């Protein structure tokens, strides 16, 4: 019985989300520094989404 299967699926979903966010943020950047900030935003977007959801739920 393998215990790592669910973890691998989550990594794939996160990876696809990261690529999509990276394309979105860099595509909307109007300068080099906004593009660099977009790379950082693409890495941390799941934390921002969870924060906003919890903010809405626990008002």
Protein backbone atom coordinates (compact mmCIF):
# COMPACT_ATOMS: atom_id res chain seq x y z
CA UNK A 1 0.00 0.00 0.00
CA UNK A 2 1.46 3.35 -1.07
CA UNK A 3 1.04 6.34 1.22
CA UNK A 4 2.46 8.99 -1.15
CA UNK A 5 -0.15 8.95 -3.91
CA UNK A 6 -2.28 11.81 -2.58
CA UNK A 7 0.76 14.01 -2.04
CA UNK A 8 1.84 13.58 -5.65
CA UNK A 9 -1.59 14.59 -6.95
CA UNK A 10 -1.52 17.73 -4.85
CA UNK A 11 1.90 18.61 -6.21
CA UNK A 12 0.61 18.30 -9.76
CA UNK A 13 -2.34 20.59 -9.03
CA UNK A 14 -0.08 23.13 -7.32
CA UNK A 15 2.35 22.97 -10.23
CA UNK A 16 -0.36 23.65 -12.80
CA UNK A 17 -1.72 26.47 -10.64
CA UNK A 18 1.76 27.94 -10.33
CA UNK A 19 2.28 27.90 -14.10
CA UNK A 20 -1.13 29.48 -14.71
CA UNK A 21 -0.53 32.17 -12.08
CA UNK A 22 2.94 32.83 -13.47
CA UNK A 23 1.59 33.35 -16.98
CA UNK A 24 -1.20 35.59 -15.67
CA UNK A 25 0.99 37.82 -13.46
CA UNK A 26 3.83 38.17 -15.97
CA UNK A 27 1.37 38.76 -18.82
CA UNK A 28 -0.21 41.66 -16.93
CA UNK A 29 3.08 43.20 -15.78
CA UNK A 30 3.88 46.62 -17.22
CA UNK A 31 7.50 46.73 -16.06
CA UNK A 32 10.37 44.42 -15.19
CA UNK A 33 9.85 44.84 -11.44
CA UNK A 34 6.14 44.08 -11.66
CA UNK A 35 7.10 40.92 -13.57
CA UNK A 36 9.55 40.00 -10.81
CA UNK A 37 6.83 40.63 -8.22
CA UNK A 38 4.53 38.44 -10.32
CA UNK A 39 6.93 35.52 -9.92
CA UNK A 40 6.77 35.90 -6.15
CA UNK A 41 2.98 36.22 -6.23
CA UNK A 42 2.74 33.05 -8.33
CA UNK A 43 4.65 31.14 -5.64
CA UNK A 44 2.46 32.29 -2.73
CA UNK A 45 -1.00 32.58 -4.31
CA UNK A 46 -2.41 29.50 -2.49
CA UNK A 47 -1.71 31.12 0.89
CA UNK A 48 -3.42 34.32 -0.24
CA UNK A 49 -6.49 32.41 -1.43
CA UNK A 50 -6.78 30.49 1.85
CA UNK A 51 -6.41 33.73 3.83
CA UNK A 52 -9.18 35.45 1.85
CA UNK A 53 -11.51 32.44 2.14
CA UNK A 54 -11.00 32.23 5.89
CA UNK A 55 -11.51 36.00 6.14
CA UNK A 56 -14.90 35.63 4.42
CA UNK A 57 -15.96 32.60 6.45
CA UNK A 58 -15.05 34.01 9.87
CA UNK A 59 -16.46 37.54 9.60
